[in-house]
Amino acid sequence: GVFWGQKSNSAYAVANMSMQFYRTWDEDFARKVYPFVKGVAAFWEKYLTLEGDRYVIFNDAIHEGTVGTKNPIASLGLVRMVFDTACDMSRLLGEDEERRPVWKERRDRLADYPLQERNGKTVFRYTEKGTDWWRDNTLGIQHIYPAGQIGLASDPELREIALNTLEELNRWDDFNGTNSFYPAAVRLGYQADSILMHLHEYSLNTYPNGFQYDNPHGIENLSTVPNTINGMLCMGHQDIVRVFPVWPRTEDAKFHNIRVEGAFLVSSSLKDGHIEEVVLYSEKGRNLTLQNPWPGKE
C-alpha cells in the first residue's frame, strides 16, 4: 500500500471521529464509527512490542518514507488518543468491556515521548531511534494537536518542553502544517498577542476563498484560522472548560455557542478586561468542571 511506511495513518483517521465524539457524546455517531475505532485499537494492541516495562513502536515512519524508525512521536500521541477513544466509546455503548483493561494497560505503559537538546533547551525528538528533526511540517508537535495529549493542565515540565519545541520549530508559515501548529500553540497557552500577530500575517497570504497562495494543501488549511480563534476564546480540553484562556485581556471579544468537549455549548463576552458573563448549555447532562472566570470570587 502507498502509505510510505507510516503506521500512524489509521490512528490519524480516528482524530476527527474522536473530536466529534467528545464534543457531542452522540451515541448514534459513536455506534457508527466504533467498529473502525475498535479495529484501529485492535491493530495497535497487537502491534506494540513490550520492551522491559514499556510498550514501544518498531518499524514505523514519522515522515513519509522514513521507514524503520522507533517510537515516532506522532504515533505515540495518536495511539494514546485511539485507546482513550476506544475505551470511552466502548463504555458509552456497553460493548467490549473485556477489552478496556487491555487498551488502558497498553496506553498507560506506552513509551514516553523522546527528548533531545537543541540550542540549549530540551525539546521533543521526532523519534527515539531514527529521524531526530525535520526542516518543515509539524509532525513534531502533532501529539499535542490533533492527538490532544498535552495542554494547560499537563505536567509543568512536560508543557515547558512542548513550548520549547514550538518555539524551536517556529512553523507559523508552513506549507501544510499550520492547521496543527497554531491550535497546538493555543493548547499550550502560548502568548496570545504573538499568536494573533502571526495569524494576521497568515490570513493576508490567501486567495479570496481562503486558500493559501501557491499552496496545493488548500482544504486542510481552511481550519487554521477558525480553529485557532475558537480555541483562544473557549477551550474544553483535559475535562476543564475555560473561557478566554489564551486571549489578550486588552481586546474586547464575544462568542456564542462554541462547542467544547463534554457536549457543552458555551457563550461569553469580555469587555474592558473583565469577563461579563458565562452561559453554558449541556446537551448530555455530563459533569462540568469550569475554570473560575472570576478568580477570588465564587
C-alpha atoms as a PDB file:
ATOM      1  CA  GLY A   1       0.000   0.000   0.000  1.00  0.00           C
ATOM      2  CA  VAL A   2       1.112   3.568  -0.655  1.00  0.00           C
ATOM      3  CA  PHE A   3       1.356   4.698   2.944  1.00  0.00           C
ATOM      4  CA  TRP A   4       5.102   5.471   2.889  1.00  0.00           C
ATOM      5  CA  GLY A   5       5.756   3.325   5.946  1.00  0.00           C
ATOM      6  CA  GLN A   6       3.571   5.424   8.237  1.00  0.00           C
ATOM      7  CA  LYS A   7       1.738   3.023  10.550  1.00  0.00           C
ATOM      8  CA  SER A   8       0.022   6.063  12.093  1.00  0.00           C
ATOM      9  CA  ASN A   9      -2.379   6.666   9.179  1.00  0.00           C
ATOM     10  CA  SER A  10      -5.355   4.752  10.573  1.00  0.00           C
ATOM     11  CA  ALA A  11      -4.792   6.269  14.028  1.00  0.00           C
ATOM     12  CA  TYR A  12      -4.724   9.702  12.406  1.00  0.00           C
ATOM     13  CA  ALA A  13      -8.062   8.896  10.762  1.00  0.00           C
ATOM     14  CA  VAL A  14      -9.536   8.436  14.251  1.00  0.00           C
ATOM     15  CA  ALA A  15      -8.689  12.061  15.175  1.00  0.00           C
ATOM     16  CA  ASN A  16     -11.782  13.640  13.596  1.00  0.00           C
ATOM     17  CA  MET A  17     -14.008  10.853  14.927  1.00  0.00           C
ATOM     18  CA  SER A  18     -12.570  11.339  18.399  1.00  0.00           C
ATOM     19  CA  MET A  19     -13.041  15.115  18.295  1.00  0.00           C
ATOM     20  CA  GLN A  20     -16.684  14.834  17.232  1.00  0.00           C
ATOM     21  CA  PHE A  21     -17.378  12.108  19.782  1.00  0.00           C
ATOM     22  CA  TYR A  22     -16.018  14.026  22.763  1.00  0.00           C
ATOM     23  CA  ARG A  23     -17.769  17.237  21.685  1.00  0.00           C
ATOM     24  CA  THR A  24     -21.168  15.570  21.269  1.00  0.00           C
ATOM     25  CA  TRP A  25     -21.231  12.268  23.195  1.00  0.00           C
ATOM     26  CA  ASP A  26     -23.681  11.281  20.453  1.00  0.00           C
ATOM     27  CA  GLU A  27     -24.477   7.584  20.882  1.00  0.00           C
ATOM     28  CA  ASP A  28     -25.646   7.158  17.280  1.00  0.00           C
ATOM     29  CA  PHE A  29     -22.410   8.665  15.970  1.00  0.00           C
ATOM     30  CA  ALA A  30     -20.340   6.537  18.337  1.00  0.00           C
ATOM     31  CA  ARG A  31     -22.145   3.389  17.183  1.00  0.00           C
ATOM     32  CA  LYS A  32     -21.455   4.319  13.547  1.00  0.00           C
ATOM     33  CA  VAL A  33     -17.700   4.867  13.918  1.00  0.00           C
ATOM     34  CA  TYR A  34     -16.908   2.466  16.768  1.00  0.00           C
ATOM     35  CA  PRO A  35     -16.164  -0.528  14.504  1.00  0.00           C
ATOM     36  CA  PHE A  36     -13.380   1.446  12.822  1.00  0.00           C
ATOM     37  CA  VAL A  37     -12.027   2.852  16.101  1.00  0.00           C
ATOM     38  CA  LYS A  38     -12.134  -0.626  17.646  1.00  0.00           C
ATOM     39  CA  GLY A  39     -10.289  -2.044  14.646  1.00  0.00           C
ATOM     40  CA  VAL A  40      -7.507   0.533  14.951  1.00  0.00           C
ATOM     41  CA  ALA A  41      -7.228  -0.142  18.692  1.00  0.00           C
ATOM     42  CA  ALA A  42      -7.047  -3.865  17.970  1.00  0.00           C
ATOM     43  CA  PHE A  43      -4.221  -3.329  15.491  1.00  0.00           C
ATOM     44  CA  TRP A  44      -2.145  -1.322  17.967  1.00  0.00           C
ATOM     45  CA  GLU A  45      -2.951  -3.685  20.821  1.00  0.00           C
ATOM     46  CA  LYS A  46      -1.224  -6.436  18.819  1.00  0.00           C
ATOM     47  CA  TYR A  47       1.440  -4.345  17.077  1.00  0.00           C
ATOM     48  CA  LEU A  48       3.007  -2.744  20.153  1.00  0.00           C
ATOM     49  CA  THR A  49       6.066  -4.569  21.463  1.00  0.00           C
ATOM     50  CA  LEU A  50       6.776  -4.984  25.172  1.00  0.00           C
ATOM     51  CA  GLU A  51      10.325  -3.817  25.930  1.00  0.00           C
ATOM     52  CA  GLY A  52      11.103  -4.055  29.635  1.00  0.00           C
ATOM     53  CA  ASP A  53       8.214  -2.355  31.405  1.00  0.00           C
ATOM     54  CA  ARG A  54       7.069  -0.246  28.441  1.00  0.00           C
ATOM     55  CA  TYR A  55       5.398  -0.772  25.071  1.00  0.00           C
ATOM     56  CA  VAL A  56       7.295   0.529  22.049  1.00  0.00           C
ATOM     57  CA  ILE A  57       6.579   1.072  18.358  1.00  0.00           C
ATOM     58  CA  PHE A  58       9.062  -0.511  15.949  1.00  0.00           C
ATOM     59  CA  ASN A  59       9.376  -0.090  12.179  1.00  0.00           C
ATOM     60  CA  ASP A  60       7.189   2.983  11.786  1.00  0.00           C
ATOM     61  CA  ALA A  61       7.780   6.243   9.902  1.00  0.00           C
ATOM     62  CA  ILE A  62       7.432   9.761  11.314  1.00  0.00           C
ATOM     63  CA  HIS A  63       7.576  11.346   7.842  1.00  0.00           C
ATOM     64  CA  GLU A  64       6.740   9.758   4.513  1.00  0.00           C
ATOM     65  CA  GLY A  65       9.453   7.276   3.642  1.00  0.00           C
ATOM     66  CA  THR A  66      11.429   7.426   6.909  1.00  0.00           C
ATOM     67  CA  VAL A  67      10.831   3.708   7.292  1.00  0.00           C
ATOM     68  CA  GLY A  68      12.186   1.745  10.236  1.00  0.00           C
ATOM     69  CA  THR A  69      12.074   4.377  12.968  1.00  0.00           C
ATOM     70  CA  LYS A  70      11.376   3.552  16.605  1.00  0.00           C
ATOM     71  CA  ASN A  71       8.761   5.402  18.662  1.00  0.00           C
ATOM     72  CA  PRO A  72       7.843   8.245  16.283  1.00  0.00           C
ATOM     73  CA  ILE A  73       6.348  10.982  18.416  1.00  0.00           C
ATOM     74  CA  ALA A  74       3.185  11.493  16.345  1.00  0.00           C
ATOM     75  CA  SER A  75       2.329   7.809  16.614  1.00  0.00           C
ATOM     76  CA  LEU A  76       2.926   7.820  20.378  1.00  0.00           C
ATOM     77  CA  GLY A  77       0.369  10.609  20.745  1.00  0.00           C
ATOM     78  CA  LEU A  78      -2.169   9.266  18.264  1.00  0.00           C
ATOM     79  CA  VAL A  79      -2.120   5.750  19.683  1.00  0.00           C
ATOM     80  CA  ARG A  80      -2.825   7.132  23.176  1.00  0.00           C
ATOM     81  CA  MET A  81      -5.767   9.032  21.665  1.00  0.00           C
ATOM     82  CA  VAL A  82      -7.047   5.865  19.955  1.00  0.00           C
ATOM     83  CA  PHE A  83      -7.003   3.795  23.153  1.00  0.00           C
ATOM     84  CA  ASP A  84      -8.726   6.565  25.148  1.00  0.00           C
ATOM     85  CA  THR A  85     -11.410   6.986  22.488  1.00  0.00           C
ATOM     86  CA  ALA A  86     -11.989   3.247  22.101  1.00  0.00           C
ATOM     87  CA  CYS A  87     -12.393   2.829  25.885  1.00  0.00           C
ATOM     88  CA  ASP A  88     -14.849   5.717  26.206  1.00  0.00           C
ATOM     89  CA  MET A  89     -16.913   4.689  23.168  1.00  0.00           C
ATOM     90  CA  SER A  90     -16.976   1.104  24.435  1.00  0.00           C
ATOM     91  CA  ARG A  91     -18.190   2.290  27.832  1.00  0.00           C
ATOM     92  CA  LEU A  92     -20.912   4.516  26.348  1.00  0.00           C
ATOM     93  CA  LEU A  93     -22.160   1.754  24.050  1.00  0.00           C
ATOM     94  CA  GLY A  94     -21.841  -1.019  26.637  1.00  0.00           C
ATOM     95  CA  GLU A  95     -19.679  -3.126  24.332  1.00  0.00           C
ATOM     96  CA  ASP A  96     -16.356  -4.961  24.640  1.00  0.00           C
ATOM     97  CA  GLU A  97     -15.983  -4.432  28.367  1.00  0.00           C
ATOM     98  CA  GLU A  98     -13.259  -7.092  28.445  1.00  0.00           C
ATOM     99  CA  ARG A  99     -11.083  -5.094  26.014  1.00  0.00           C
ATOM    100  CA  ARG A 100     -10.992  -1.895  28.084  1.00  0.00           C
ATOM    101  CA  PRO A 101      -8.436  -3.069  30.696  1.00  0.00           C
ATOM    102  CA  VAL A 102      -6.157  -4.277  27.890  1.00  0.00           C
ATOM    103  CA  TRP A 103      -6.404  -0.996  25.973  1.00  0.00           C
ATOM    104  CA  LYS A 104      -5.845   1.015  29.160  1.00  0.00           C
ATOM    105  CA  GLU A 105      -2.815  -1.092  30.070  1.00  0.00           C
ATOM    106  CA  ARG A 106      -1.283  -0.545  26.624  1.00  0.00           C
ATOM    107  CA  ARG A 107      -1.992   3.173  26.823  1.00  0.00           C
ATOM    108  CA  ASP A 108      -0.610   3.644  30.327  1.00  0.00           C
ATOM    109  CA  ARG A 109       2.617   1.757  29.586  1.00  0.00           C
ATOM    110  CA  LEU A 110       3.297   3.252  26.170  1.00  0.00           C
ATOM    111  CA  ALA A 111       6.807   4.691  25.809  1.00  0.00           C
ATOM    112  CA  ASP A 112       7.434   8.300  26.879  1.00  0.00           C
ATOM    113  CA  TYR A 113       7.940  10.957  24.238  1.00  0.00           C
ATOM    114  CA  PRO A 114      11.601  11.030  23.123  1.00  0.00           C
ATOM    115  CA  LEU A 115      13.631  14.139  24.008  1.00  0.00           C
ATOM    116  CA  GLN A 116      16.762  15.922  22.799  1.00  0.00           C
ATOM    117  CA  GLU A 117      18.693  19.168  23.317  1.00  0.00           C
ATOM    118  CA  ARG A 118      18.605  21.932  20.710  1.00  0.00           C
ATOM    119  CA  ASN A 119      20.082  25.392  21.208  1.00  0.00           C
ATOM    120  CA  GLY A 120      20.441  24.802  24.932  1.00  0.00           C
ATOM    121  CA  LYS A 121      16.833  23.738  25.534  1.00  0.00           C
ATOM    122  CA  THR A 122      15.125  20.380  25.965  1.00  0.00           C
ATOM    123  CA  VAL A 123      12.728  19.699  23.103  1.00  0.00           C
ATOM    124  CA  PHE A 124      10.922  16.687  21.697  1.00  0.00           C
ATOM    125  CA  ARG A 125      12.799  14.373  19.364  1.00  0.00           C
ATOM    126  CA  TYR A 126      10.893  13.187  16.312  1.00  0.00           C
ATOM    127  CA  THR A 127      11.751   9.536  17.055  1.00  0.00           C
ATOM    128  CA  GLU A 128      13.607   7.609  19.733  1.00  0.00           C
ATOM    129  CA  LYS A 129      15.719   5.941  17.055  1.00  0.00           C
ATOM    130  CA  GLY A 130      15.871   7.368  13.565  1.00  0.00           C
ATOM    131  CA  THR A 131      14.854  10.835  12.397  1.00  0.00           C
ATOM    132  CA  ASP A 132      15.598  13.461  15.057  1.00  0.00           C
ATOM    133  CA  TRP A 133      14.245  16.642  13.426  1.00  0.00           C
ATOM    134  CA  TRP A 134      12.626  17.840  10.201  1.00  0.00           C
ATOM    135  CA  ARG A 135      13.026  21.017   8.189  1.00  0.00           C
ATOM    136  CA  ASP A 136       9.297  21.686   7.646  1.00  0.00           C
ATOM    137  CA  ASN A 137       5.818  20.420   8.532  1.00  0.00           C
ATOM    138  CA  THR A 138       4.652  19.992  12.126  1.00  0.00           C
ATOM    139  CA  LEU A 139       4.721  16.282  12.960  1.00  0.00           C
ATOM    140  CA  GLY A 140       6.952  17.143  15.902  1.00  0.00           C
ATOM    141  CA  ILE A 141       4.000  18.692  17.765  1.00  0.00           C
ATOM    142  CA  GLN A 142       1.040  16.668  16.494  1.00  0.00           C
ATOM    143  CA  HIS A 143       0.952  14.606  19.682  1.00  0.00           C
ATOM    144  CA  ILE A 144      -0.175  17.946  21.181  1.00  0.00           C
ATOM    145  CA  TYR A 145      -2.658  18.660  18.390  1.00  0.00           C
ATOM    146  CA  PRO A 146      -4.627  16.936  16.954  1.00  0.00           C
ATOM    147  CA  ALA A 147      -3.814  13.987  19.261  1.00  0.00           C
ATOM    148  CA  GLY A 148      -4.588  16.206  22.277  1.00  0.00           C
ATOM    149  CA  GLN A 149      -2.111  14.669  24.714  1.00  0.00           C
ATOM    150  CA  ILE A 150      -0.608  17.859  26.219  1.00  0.00           C
ATOM    151  CA  GLY A 151      -2.352  21.013  27.377  1.00  0.00           C
ATOM    152  CA  LEU A 152      -2.721  23.639  30.090  1.00  0.00           C
ATOM    153  CA  ALA A 153      -3.381  21.014  32.774  1.00  0.00           C
ATOM    154  CA  SER A 154      -0.384  18.844  31.871  1.00  0.00           C
ATOM    155  CA  ASP A 155       2.728  18.358  33.984  1.00  0.00           C
ATOM    156  CA  PRO A 156       4.525  21.756  34.006  1.00  0.00           C
ATOM    157  CA  GLU A 157       7.851  20.226  32.948  1.00  0.00           C
ATOM    158  CA  LEU A 158       6.258  18.432  30.004  1.00  0.00           C
ATOM    159  CA  ARG A 159       4.424  21.608  28.994  1.00  0.00           C
ATOM    160  CA  GLU A 160       7.685  23.586  29.133  1.00  0.00           C
ATOM    161  CA  ILE A 161       9.340  21.055  26.814  1.00  0.00           C
ATOM    162  CA  ALA A 162       6.364  21.377  24.481  1.00  0.00           C
ATOM    163  CA  LEU A 163       6.646  25.180  24.458  1.00  0.00           C
ATOM    164  CA  ASN A 164      10.390  24.916  23.796  1.00  0.00           C
ATOM    165  CA  THR A 165       9.649  22.647  20.840  1.00  0.00           C
ATOM    166  CA  LEU A 166       7.024  25.022  19.499  1.00  0.00           C
ATOM    167  CA  GLU A 167       9.486  27.923  19.555  1.00  0.00           C
ATOM    168  CA  GLU A 168      12.274  25.843  18.048  1.00  0.00           C
ATOM    169  CA  LEU A 169      10.020  24.710  15.201  1.00  0.00           C
ATOM    170  CA  ASN A 170       8.689  28.233  14.565  1.00  0.00           C
ATOM    171  CA  ARG A 171       6.327  26.953  11.860  1.00  0.00           C
ATOM    172  CA  TRP A 172       3.876  29.879  11.778  1.00  0.00           C
ATOM    173  CA  ASP A 173       4.178  29.881   7.988  1.00  0.00           C
ATOM    174  CA  ASP A 174       4.358  26.260   6.907  1.00  0.00           C
ATOM    175  CA  PHE A 175       3.401  24.574   3.657  1.00  0.00           C
ATOM    176  CA  ASN A 176       0.886  22.176   5.222  1.00  0.00           C
ATOM    177  CA  GLY A 177       1.378  22.294   8.982  1.00  0.00           C
ATOM    178  CA  THR A 178      -0.341  25.472  10.167  1.00  0.00           C
ATOM    179  CA  ASN A 179      -3.579  23.621  10.870  1.00  0.00           C
ATOM    180  CA  SER A 180      -1.878  21.810  13.746  1.00  0.00           C
ATOM    181  CA  PHE A 181       0.816  24.324  14.708  1.00  0.00           C
ATOM    182  CA  TYR A 182      -1.499  27.225  15.599  1.00  0.00           C
ATOM    183  CA  PRO A 183      -4.005  25.138  17.625  1.00  0.00           C
ATOM    184  CA  ALA A 184      -1.080  23.449  19.403  1.00  0.00           C
ATOM    185  CA  ALA A 185       0.204  26.887  20.419  1.00  0.00           C
ATOM    186  CA  VAL A 186      -3.230  27.671  21.850  1.00  0.00           C
ATOM    187  CA  ARG A 187      -3.419  24.356  23.720  1.00  0.00           C
ATOM    188  CA  LEU A 188      -0.086  25.143  25.374  1.00  0.00           C
ATOM    189  CA  GLY A 189      -1.048  28.685  26.389  1.00  0.00           C
ATOM    190  CA  TYR A 190       1.466  30.417  24.119  1.00  0.00           C
ATOM    191  CA  GLN A 191       1.469  34.228  24.150  1.00  0.00           C
ATOM    192  CA  ALA A 192      -1.902  35.354  22.790  1.00  0.00           C
ATOM    193  CA  ASP A 193      -0.577  38.556  21.196  1.00  0.00           C
ATOM    194  CA  SER A 194       2.038  36.584  19.296  1.00  0.00           C
ATOM    195  CA  ILE A 195      -0.485  34.028  18.043  1.00  0.00           C
ATOM    196  CA  LEU A 196      -2.799  36.776  16.760  1.00  0.00           C
ATOM    197  CA  MET A 197       0.067  38.630  15.093  1.00  0.00           C
ATOM    198  CA  HIS A 198       1.177  35.522  13.205  1.00  0.00           C
ATOM    199  CA  LEU A 199      -2.416  34.588  12.393  1.00  0.00           C
ATOM    200  CA  HIS A 200      -2.995  38.042  10.910  1.00  0.00           C
ATOM    201  CA  GLU A 201       0.052  37.661   8.652  1.00  0.00           C
ATOM    202  CA  TYR A 202      -1.103  34.170   7.691  1.00  0.00           C
ATOM    203  CA  SER A 203      -4.568  35.472   6.797  1.00  0.00           C
ATOM    204  CA  LEU A 204      -3.159  38.115   4.433  1.00  0.00           C
ATOM    205  CA  ASN A 205      -1.481  35.386   2.360  1.00  0.00           C
ATOM    206  CA  THR A 206      -4.671  33.966   0.853  1.00  0.00           C
ATOM    207  CA  TYR A 207      -6.847  33.996  -2.223  1.00  0.00           C
ATOM    208  CA  PRO A 208     -10.391  35.393  -1.749  1.00  0.00           C
ATOM    209  CA  ASN A 209     -11.682  31.889  -0.919  1.00  0.00           C
ATOM    210  CA  GLY A 210      -9.218  31.491   1.955  1.00  0.00           C
ATOM    211  CA  PHE A 211      -6.783  29.108   0.231  1.00  0.00           C
ATOM    212  CA  GLN A 212      -3.131  29.955   0.799  1.00  0.00           C
ATOM    213  CA  TYR A 213      -1.180  31.444  -2.105  1.00  0.00           C
ATOM    214  CA  ASP A 214       0.868  28.903  -4.076  1.00  0.00           C
ATOM    215  CA  ASN A 215      -0.051  26.062  -1.746  1.00  0.00           C
ATOM    216  CA  PRO A 216      -1.687  22.839  -3.016  1.00  0.00           C
ATOM    217  CA  HIS A 217      -2.685  21.848   0.550  1.00  0.00           C
ATOM    218  CA  GLY A 218      -5.755  24.049   0.418  1.00  0.00           C
ATOM    219  CA  ILE A 219      -8.614  22.236   2.127  1.00  0.00           C
ATOM    220  CA  GLU A 220      -6.608  21.019   5.106  1.00  0.00           C
ATOM    221  CA  ASN A 221      -5.503  24.587   5.891  1.00  0.00           C
ATOM    222  CA  LEU A 222      -9.003  26.087   5.870  1.00  0.00           C
ATOM    223  CA  SER A 223      -9.371  25.078   9.534  1.00  0.00           C
ATOM    224  CA  THR A 224      -6.336  27.058  10.690  1.00  0.00           C
ATOM    225  CA  VAL A 225      -7.988  30.416  11.425  1.00  0.00           C
ATOM    226  CA  PRO A 226     -11.383  29.387  12.895  1.00  0.00           C
ATOM    227  CA  ASN A 227      -9.875  26.519  14.880  1.00  0.00           C
ATOM    228  CA  THR A 228      -7.235  28.790  16.387  1.00  0.00           C
ATOM    229  CA  ILE A 229      -9.643  31.603  17.227  1.00  0.00           C
ATOM    230  CA  ASN A 230     -12.227  29.250  18.749  1.00  0.00           C
ATOM    231  CA  GLY A 231      -9.594  27.684  20.992  1.00  0.00           C
ATOM    232  CA  MET A 232      -8.348  31.080  22.106  1.00  0.00           C
ATOM    233  CA  LEU A 233     -11.875  32.122  23.042  1.00  0.00           C
ATOM    234  CA  CYS A 234     -13.045  28.885  24.635  1.00  0.00           C
ATOM    235  CA  MET A 235     -11.367  25.570  25.413  1.00  0.00           C
ATOM    236  CA  GLY A 236     -12.752  22.328  26.805  1.00  0.00           C
ATOM    237  CA  HIS A 237      -9.530  20.355  26.768  1.00  0.00           C
ATOM    238  CA  GLN A 238      -8.498  17.905  29.540  1.00  0.00           C
ATOM    239  CA  ASP A 239     -12.007  17.926  31.038  1.00  0.00           C
ATOM    240  CA  ILE A 240     -11.823  21.593  32.053  1.00  0.00           C
ATOM    241  CA  VAL A 241     -13.875  24.297  30.330  1.00  0.00           C
ATOM    242  CA  ARG A 242     -12.020  27.616  30.118  1.00  0.00           C
ATOM    243  CA  VAL A 243     -13.295  30.898  28.680  1.00  0.00           C
ATOM    244  CA  PHE A 244     -10.806  33.298  27.057  1.00  0.00           C
ATOM    245  CA  PRO A 245      -7.914  31.027  28.135  1.00  0.00           C
ATOM    246  CA  VAL A 246      -5.467  32.396  25.571  1.00  0.00           C
ATOM    247  CA  TRP A 247      -6.885  35.773  24.649  1.00  0.00           C
ATOM    248  CA  PRO A 248      -5.421  39.283  25.265  1.00  0.00           C
ATOM    249  CA  ARG A 249      -7.332  40.991  28.044  1.00  0.00           C
ATOM    250  CA  THR A 250      -6.923  44.269  26.148  1.00  0.00           C
ATOM    251  CA  GLU A 251      -9.057  43.006  23.249  1.00  0.00           C
ATOM    252  CA  ASP A 252     -12.834  43.027  23.742  1.00  0.00           C
ATOM    253  CA  ALA A 253     -14.455  39.889  22.366  1.00  0.00           C
ATOM    254  CA  LYS A 254     -17.693  37.949  22.419  1.00  0.00           C
ATOM    255  CA  PHE A 255     -18.620  34.444  21.314  1.00  0.00           C
ATOM    256  CA  HIS A 256     -21.827  32.420  21.165  1.00  0.00           C
ATOM    257  CA  ASN A 257     -22.282  28.648  21.463  1.00  0.00           C
ATOM    258  CA  ILE A 258     -18.763  27.400  20.893  1.00  0.00           C
ATOM    259  CA  ARG A 259     -18.917  23.609  21.195  1.00  0.00           C
ATOM    260  CA  VAL A 260     -16.345  22.020  23.506  1.00  0.00           C
ATOM    261  CA  GLU A 261     -15.569  18.579  24.915  1.00  0.00           C
ATOM    262  CA  GLY A 262     -18.314  17.192  27.139  1.00  0.00           C
ATOM    263  CA  ALA A 263     -21.133  18.216  24.761  1.00  0.00           C
ATOM    264  CA  PHE A 264     -21.248  21.753  26.150  1.00  0.00           C
ATOM    265  CA  LEU A 265     -22.162  24.893  24.206  1.00  0.00           C
ATOM    266  CA  VAL A 266     -20.501  27.927  25.763  1.00  0.00           C
ATOM    267  CA  SER A 267     -21.129  31.661  25.334  1.00  0.00           C
ATOM    268  CA  SER A 268     -19.306  34.546  26.966  1.00  0.00           C
ATOM    269  CA  SER A 269     -18.061  38.091  26.495  1.00  0.00           C
ATOM    270  CA  LEU A 270     -15.007  40.082  27.523  1.00  0.00           C
ATOM    271  CA  LYS A 271     -15.181  43.850  27.872  1.00  0.00           C
ATOM    272  CA  ASP A 272     -12.600  46.244  29.317  1.00  0.00           C
ATOM    273  CA  GLY A 273     -10.580  43.300  30.577  1.00  0.00           C
ATOM    274  CA  HIS A 274     -13.496  41.789  32.519  1.00  0.00           C
ATOM    275  CA  ILE A 275     -15.440  38.632  31.652  1.00  0.00           C
ATOM    276  CA  GLU A 276     -19.056  39.793  31.804  1.00  0.00           C
ATOM    277  CA  GLU A 277     -20.940  36.500  31.910  1.00  0.00           C
ATOM    278  CA  VAL A 278     -20.661  32.825  31.041  1.00  0.00           C
ATOM    279  CA  VAL A 279     -23.625  30.871  29.682  1.00  0.00           C
ATOM    280  CA  LEU A 280     -23.316  27.089  29.395  1.00  0.00           C
ATOM    281  CA  TYR A 281     -25.750  24.695  27.764  1.00  0.00           C
ATOM    282  CA  SER A 282     -25.282  20.978  28.358  1.00  0.00           C
ATOM    283  CA  GLU A 283     -26.653  18.672  25.663  1.00  0.00           C
ATOM    284  CA  LYS A 284     -25.982  15.441  27.572  1.00  0.00           C
ATOM    285  CA  GLY A 285     -26.011  16.451  31.254  1.00  0.00           C
ATOM    286  CA  ARG A 286     -22.418  15.373  31.798  1.00  0.00           C
ATOM    287  CA  ASN A 287     -20.352  16.574  34.757  1.00  0.00           C
ATOM    288  CA  LEU A 288     -18.820  20.002  34.197  1.00  0.00           C
ATOM    289  CA  THR A 289     -15.575  21.398  35.552  1.00  0.00           C
ATOM    290  CA  LEU A 290     -15.337  25.125  34.846  1.00  0.00           C
ATOM    291  CA  GLN A 291     -12.220  27.144  35.500  1.00  0.00           C
ATOM    292  CA  ASN A 292     -13.451  30.113  37.552  1.00  0.00           C
ATOM    293  CA  PRO A 293     -13.627  33.137  35.207  1.00  0.00           C
ATOM    294  CA  TRP A 294     -13.572  35.445  38.241  1.00  0.00           C
ATOM    295  CA  PRO A 295     -10.571  34.459  40.411  1.00  0.00           C
ATOM    296  CA  GLY A 296     -11.104  35.119  44.103  1.00  0.00           C
ATOM    297  CA  LYS A 297     -14.882  35.128  43.733  1.00  0.00           C
ATOM    298  CA  GLU A 298     -17.434  32.343  43.888  1.00  0.00           C
END
